[in-house]
PDB file of N, CA and C in Angstrom:
ATOM      1  N   PRO A   1      -3.386   1.140   2.841  1.00  0.00           N
ATOM      2  CA  PRO A   1      -2.422   2.353   2.917  1.00  0.00           C
ATOM      3  C   PRO A   1      -2.648   3.059   1.408  1.00  0.00           C
ATOM      4  N   HIS A   2      -2.211   4.378   1.729  1.00  0.00           N
ATOM      5  CA  HIS A   2      -2.402   5.203   0.413  1.00  0.00           C
ATOM      6  C   HIS A   2      -1.089   5.740  -0.013  1.00  0.00           C
ATOM      7  N   THR A   3      -0.711   5.450  -1.314  1.00  0.00           N
ATOM      8  CA  THR A   3       0.658   6.132  -1.863  1.00  0.00           C
ATOM      9  C   THR A   3       0.610   7.527  -1.870  1.00  0.00           C
ATOM     10  N   ALA A   4       1.676   8.076  -1.827  1.00  0.00           N
ATOM     11  CA  ALA A   4       2.026   9.529  -1.752  1.00  0.00           C
ATOM     12  C   ALA A   4       1.430  10.210  -3.110  1.00  0.00           C
ATOM     13  N   GLN A   5       1.391   9.502  -4.156  1.00  0.00           N
ATOM     14  CA  GLN A   5       0.815   9.875  -5.336  1.00  0.00           C
ATOM     15  C   GLN A   5      -0.637   9.960  -5.287  1.00  0.00           C
ATOM     16  N   VAL A   6      -1.370   9.091  -4.626  1.00  0.00           N
ATOM     17  CA  VAL A   6      -2.776   9.011  -4.376  1.00  0.00           C
ATOM     18  C   VAL A   6      -3.245  10.328  -3.495  1.00  0.00           C
ATOM     19  N   VAL A   7      -2.554  10.423  -2.396  1.00  0.00           N
ATOM     20  CA  VAL A   7      -2.704  11.471  -1.284  1.00  0.00           C
ATOM     21  C   VAL A   7      -2.598  12.914  -1.942  1.00  0.00           C
ATOM     22  N   THR A   8      -1.492  12.950  -2.731  1.00  0.00           N
ATOM     23  CA  THR A   8      -1.318  14.335  -3.400  1.00  0.00           C
ATOM     24  C   THR A   8      -1.853  14.634  -4.771  1.00  0.00           C
ATOM     25  N   GLY A   9      -2.627  13.715  -5.401  1.00  0.00           N
ATOM     26  CA  GLY A   9      -3.118  13.926  -6.565  1.00  0.00           C
ATOM     27  C   GLY A   9      -4.342  14.826  -6.492  1.00  0.00           C
ATOM     28  N   ASN A  10      -4.813  15.157  -7.707  1.00  0.00           N
ATOM     29  CA  ASN A  10      -5.795  16.241  -7.793  1.00  0.00           C
ATOM     30  C   ASN A  10      -7.319  15.682  -7.387  1.00  0.00           C
ATOM     31  N   GLU A  11      -7.429  14.416  -7.596  1.00  0.00           N
ATOM     32  CA  GLU A  11      -8.879  13.966  -7.306  1.00  0.00           C
ATOM     33  C   GLU A  11      -8.902  13.161  -5.832  1.00  0.00           C
ATOM     34  N   TRP A  12      -9.900  13.454  -5.363  1.00  0.00           N
ATOM     35  CA  TRP A  12     -10.048  12.909  -3.987  1.00  0.00           C
ATOM     36  C   TRP A  12     -11.473  12.394  -3.768  1.00  0.00           C
ATOM     37  N   ALA A  13     -11.990  11.150  -4.048  1.00  0.00           N
ATOM     38  CA  ALA A  13     -13.292  10.702  -3.775  1.00  0.00           C
ATOM     39  C   ALA A  13     -13.530   9.805  -2.572  1.00  0.00           C
ATOM     40  N   ARG A  14     -12.941  10.036  -1.562  1.00  0.00           N
ATOM     41  CA  ARG A  14     -13.118   9.238  -0.392  1.00  0.00           C
ATOM     42  C   ARG A  14     -13.973   9.896   0.460  1.00  0.00           C
ATOM     43  N   PRO A  15     -14.642   9.151   1.534  1.00  0.00           N
ATOM     44  CA  PRO A  15     -15.315   9.849   2.543  1.00  0.00           C
ATOM     45  C   PRO A  15     -14.612  10.322   3.728  1.00  0.00           C
ATOM     46  N   TYR A  16     -13.238  10.208   3.666  1.00  0.00           N
ATOM     47  CA  TYR A  16     -12.446  10.737   4.715  1.00  0.00           C
ATOM     48  C   TYR A  16     -11.416  11.615   4.082  1.00  0.00           C
ATOM     49  N   SER A  17     -10.753  12.457   4.909  1.00  0.00           N
ATOM     50  CA  SER A  17      -9.991  13.369   4.480  1.00  0.00           C
ATOM     51  C   SER A  17      -8.522  12.841   3.973  1.00  0.00           C
ATOM     52  N   ARG A  18      -7.893  13.640   3.272  1.00  0.00           N
ATOM     53  CA  ARG A  18      -6.508  13.269   2.868  1.00  0.00           C
ATOM     54  C   ARG A  18      -5.638  13.022   4.109  1.00  0.00           C
ATOM     55  N   GLU A  19      -5.789  14.051   4.948  1.00  0.00           N
ATOM     56  CA  GLU A  19      -5.049  14.000   6.144  1.00  0.00           C
ATOM     57  C   GLU A  19      -5.055  12.812   7.119  1.00  0.00           C
ATOM     58  N   GLN A  20      -6.337  12.405   7.131  1.00  0.00           N
ATOM     59  CA  GLN A  20      -6.748  11.028   7.826  1.00  0.00           C
ATOM     60  C   GLN A  20      -6.040   9.893   6.955  1.00  0.00           C
ATOM     61  N   ALA A  21      -6.015   9.929   5.628  1.00  0.00           N
ATOM     62  CA  ALA A  21      -5.573   8.894   4.809  1.00  0.00           C
ATOM     63  C   ALA A  21      -4.052   8.759   5.061  1.00  0.00           C
ATOM     64  N   ALA A  22      -3.338   9.887   4.993  1.00  0.00           N
ATOM     65  CA  ALA A  22      -1.815   9.993   5.027  1.00  0.00           C
ATOM     66  C   ALA A  22      -1.458   9.605   6.543  1.00  0.00           C
ATOM     67  N   PHE A  23      -2.092  10.095   7.495  1.00  0.00           N
ATOM     68  CA  PHE A  23      -1.819   9.825   8.876  1.00  0.00           C
ATOM     69  C   PHE A  23      -2.931   9.243   9.796  1.00  0.00           C
ATOM     70  N   PRO A  24      -3.222   8.093   9.591  1.00  0.00           N
ATOM     71  CA  PRO A  24      -4.486   7.565  10.218  1.00  0.00           C
ATOM     72  C   PRO A  24      -4.424   7.514  11.912  1.00  0.00           C
ATOM     73  N   ALA A  25      -3.122   7.342  12.354  1.00  0.00           N
ATOM     74  CA  ALA A  25      -2.958   7.420  13.761  1.00  0.00           C
ATOM     75  C   ALA A  25      -1.831   8.580  14.250  1.00  0.00           C
ATOM     76  N   PRO A  26      -1.861   8.923  15.404  1.00  0.00           N
ATOM     77  CA  PRO A  26      -0.902  10.063  15.714  1.00  0.00           C
ATOM     78  C   PRO A  26       0.501   9.706  15.665  1.00  0.00           C
ATOM     79  N   TRP A  27       0.931   8.535  16.037  1.00  0.00           N
ATOM     80  CA  TRP A  27       2.279   8.082  15.900  1.00  0.00           C
ATOM     81  C   TRP A  27       2.945   8.231  14.395  1.00  0.00           C
ATOM     82  N   VAL A  28       2.003   7.977  13.432  1.00  0.00           N
ATOM     83  CA  VAL A  28       2.231   7.910  11.890  1.00  0.00           C
ATOM     84  C   VAL A  28       3.011   9.095  11.534  1.00  0.00           C
ATOM     85  N   ARG A  29       2.785  10.297  12.231  1.00  0.00           N
ATOM     86  CA  ARG A  29       3.201  11.467  11.726  1.00  0.00           C
ATOM     87  C   ARG A  29       5.061  11.476  11.826  1.00  0.00           C
ATOM     88  N   ASP A  30       5.359  10.768  12.723  1.00  0.00           N
ATOM     89  CA  ASP A  30       6.930  10.787  13.080  1.00  0.00           C
ATOM     90  C   ASP A  30       7.513   9.500  12.335  1.00  0.00           C
ATOM     91  N   HIS A  31       6.764   8.400  12.055  1.00  0.00           N
ATOM     92  CA  HIS A  31       7.142   7.180  11.625  1.00  0.00           C
ATOM     93  C   HIS A  31       6.398   6.899  10.187  1.00  0.00           C
ATOM     94  N   LYS A  32       6.283   7.867   9.293  1.00  0.00           N
ATOM     95  CA  LYS A  32       5.410   7.419   8.125  1.00  0.00           C
ATOM     96  C   LYS A  32       6.212   6.660   7.010  1.00  0.00           C
ATOM     97  N   PHE A  33       5.677   5.682   6.457  1.00  0.00           N
ATOM     98  CA  PHE A  33       6.134   4.954   5.570  1.00  0.00           C
ATOM     99  C   PHE A  33       5.165   5.038   4.217  1.00  0.00           C
ATOM    100  N   TRP A  34       5.717   5.526   3.226  1.00  0.00           N
ATOM    101  CA  TRP A  34       5.076   5.809   2.043  1.00  0.00           C
ATOM    102  C   TRP A  34       5.079   4.422   1.068  1.00  0.00           C
ATOM    103  N   PRO A  35       3.994   3.677   0.763  1.00  0.00           N
ATOM    104  CA  PRO A  35       4.100   2.514   0.082  1.00  0.00           C
ATOM    105  C   PRO A  35       4.237   2.942  -1.313  1.00  0.00           C
ATOM    106  N   SER A  36       4.902   2.122  -2.290  1.00  0.00           N
ATOM    107  CA  SER A  36       5.003   2.482  -3.567  1.00  0.00           C
ATOM    108  C   SER A  36       3.720   2.039  -4.451  1.00  0.00           C
ATOM    109  N   VAL A  37       3.019   1.197  -3.804  1.00  0.00           N
ATOM    110  CA  VAL A  37       1.977   0.618  -4.702  1.00  0.00           C
ATOM    111  C   VAL A  37       0.852   0.468  -3.833  1.00  0.00           C
ATOM    112  N   SER A  38      -0.361   0.575  -4.258  1.00  0.00           N
ATOM    113  CA  SER A  38      -1.668   0.494  -3.386  1.00  0.00           C
ATOM    114  C   SER A  38      -2.022  -0.993  -3.342  1.00  0.00           C
ATOM    115  N   ARG A  39      -3.005  -1.208  -2.622  1.00  0.00           N
ATOM    116  CA  ARG A  39      -3.482  -2.627  -2.550  1.00  0.00           C
ATOM    117  C   ARG A  39      -3.934  -3.180  -3.871  1.00  0.00           C
ATOM    118  N   ILE A  40      -4.041  -4.655  -4.061  1.00  0.00           N
ATOM    119  CA  ILE A  40      -4.447  -5.181  -5.128  1.00  0.00           C
ATOM    120  C   ILE A  40      -5.695  -6.023  -4.644  1.00  0.00           C
ATOM    121  N   ASP A  41      -6.831  -5.784  -5.125  1.00  0.00           N
ATOM    122  CA  ASP A  41      -7.937  -6.371  -4.655  1.00  0.00           C
ATOM    123  C   ASP A  41      -8.371  -6.150  -3.302  1.00  0.00           C
ATOM    124  N   GLU A  42      -8.102  -5.050  -2.621  1.00  0.00           N
ATOM    125  CA  GLU A  42      -8.487  -4.725  -1.223  1.00  0.00           C
ATOM    126  C   GLU A  42      -7.893  -5.913  -0.469  1.00  0.00           C
ATOM    127  N   ALA A  43      -8.442  -6.298   0.678  1.00  0.00           N
ATOM    128  CA  ALA A  43      -7.922  -7.295   1.483  1.00  0.00           C
ATOM    129  C   ALA A  43      -7.790  -8.592   0.989  1.00  0.00           C
ATOM    130  N   TYR A  44      -8.498  -8.940  -0.061  1.00  0.00           N
ATOM    131  CA  TYR A  44      -8.507 -10.268  -0.665  1.00  0.00           C
ATOM    132  C   TYR A  44      -6.940 -10.370  -1.191  1.00  0.00           C
ATOM    133  N   GLY A  45      -6.418  -9.525  -1.782  1.00  0.00           N
ATOM    134  CA  GLY A  45      -5.098  -9.453  -2.243  1.00  0.00           C
ATOM    135  C   GLY A  45      -3.952  -9.699  -1.146  1.00  0.00           C
ATOM    136  N   ASP A  46      -4.200  -9.132   0.102  1.00  0.00           N
ATOM    137  CA  ASP A  46      -3.443  -9.246   1.074  1.00  0.00           C
ATOM    138  C   ASP A  46      -3.688 -10.670   1.769  1.00  0.00           C
ATOM    139  N   ARG A  47      -4.717 -11.434   1.539  1.00  0.00           N
ATOM    140  CA  ARG A  47      -4.874 -12.634   2.149  1.00  0.00           C
ATOM    141  C   ARG A  47      -4.389 -13.825   1.292  1.00  0.00           C
ATOM    142  N   HIS A  48      -4.454 -13.570  -0.034  1.00  0.00           N
ATOM    143  CA  HIS A  48      -4.104 -14.559  -0.921  1.00  0.00           C
ATOM    144  C   HIS A  48      -3.124 -14.109  -2.094  1.00  0.00           C
ATOM    145  N   LEU A  49      -1.866 -14.248  -1.415  1.00  0.00           N
ATOM    146  CA  LEU A  49      -0.506 -13.780  -1.928  1.00  0.00           C
ATOM    147  C   LEU A  49      -0.231 -14.826  -3.168  1.00  0.00           C
ATOM    148  N   ILE A  50       0.311 -14.184  -4.248  1.00  0.00           N
ATOM    149  CA  ILE A  50       0.769 -14.995  -5.347  1.00  0.00           C
ATOM    150  C   ILE A  50       2.306 -14.585  -5.519  1.00  0.00           C
ATOM    151  N   CYS A  51       3.010 -15.619  -5.367  1.00  0.00           N
ATOM    152  CA  CYS A  51       4.429 -15.565  -5.793  1.00  0.00           C
ATOM    153  C   CYS A  51       4.727 -15.684  -7.223  1.00  0.00           C
ATOM    154  N   THR A  52       5.524 -14.677  -7.803  1.00  0.00           N
ATOM    155  CA  THR A  52       5.936 -14.886  -9.290  1.00  0.00           C
ATOM    156  C   THR A  52       7.326 -15.286  -9.410  1.00  0.00           C
ATOM    157  N   CYS A  53       7.901 -15.659  -8.404  1.00  0.00           N
ATOM    158  CA  CYS A  53       9.373 -16.243  -8.412  1.00  0.00           C
ATOM    159  C   CYS A  53       9.462 -17.480  -9.157  1.00  0.00           C
ATOM    160  N   PRO A  54      10.673 -17.637  -9.681  1.00  0.00           N
ATOM    161  CA  PRO A  54      10.971 -19.006 -10.145  1.00  0.00           C
ATOM    162  C   PRO A  54      10.807 -19.995  -9.179  1.00  0.00           C
ATOM    163  N   PRO A  55      10.748 -21.278  -9.550  1.00  0.00           N
ATOM    164  CA  PRO A  55      10.602 -22.447  -8.564  1.00  0.00           C
ATOM    165  C   PRO A  55      12.046 -22.350  -7.915  1.00  0.00           C
ATOM    166  N   ILE A  56      11.942 -23.029  -6.789  1.00  0.00           N
ATOM    167  CA  ILE A  56      13.194 -23.123  -5.739  1.00  0.00           C
ATOM    168  C   ILE A  56      14.399 -23.775  -6.513  1.00  0.00           C
ATOM    169  N   GLU A  57      13.933 -24.686  -7.238  1.00  0.00           N
ATOM    170  CA  GLU A  57      15.116 -25.453  -8.077  1.00  0.00           C
ATOM    171  C   GLU A  57      15.852 -24.724  -9.094  1.00  0.00           C
ATOM    172  N   ALA A  58      15.295 -23.547  -9.487  1.00  0.00           N
ATOM    173  CA  ALA A  58      16.010 -22.598 -10.334  1.00  0.00           C
ATOM    174  C   ALA A  58      17.112 -22.020  -9.531  1.00  0.00           C
ATOM    175  N   TYR A  59      17.009 -21.872  -8.358  1.00  0.00           N
ATOM    176  CA  TYR A  59      18.356 -21.318  -7.509  1.00  0.00           C
ATOM    177  C   TYR A  59      19.430 -22.164  -7.235  1.00  0.00           C
ATOM    178  N   SER A  60      19.104 -23.441  -7.536  1.00  0.00           N
ATOM    179  CA  SER A  60      20.069 -24.470  -7.042  1.00  0.00           C
ATOM    180  C   SER A  60      21.309 -24.652  -8.070  1.00  0.00           C
ATOM    181  N   SER A  61      21.116 -24.243  -9.135  1.00  0.00           N
ATOM    182  CA  SER A  61      22.147 -24.377 -10.012  1.00  0.00           C
ATOM    183  C   SER A  61      23.045 -23.303 -10.229  1.00  0.00           C
TER     184      SER A  61
END
């Protein structure tokens, strides 16, 4: 997914249009969600999530 900042920025060096990036499917026009951040490490970051939360024991006190 592309952030609004990326889609509306000055530079666009991707092989597809900005419109296709913003609205990859017809239903997206009516239900668009703009992510606030881009992917980290592409799909690898999606499959290998890292939690930065404190240990569960920290919440019990």
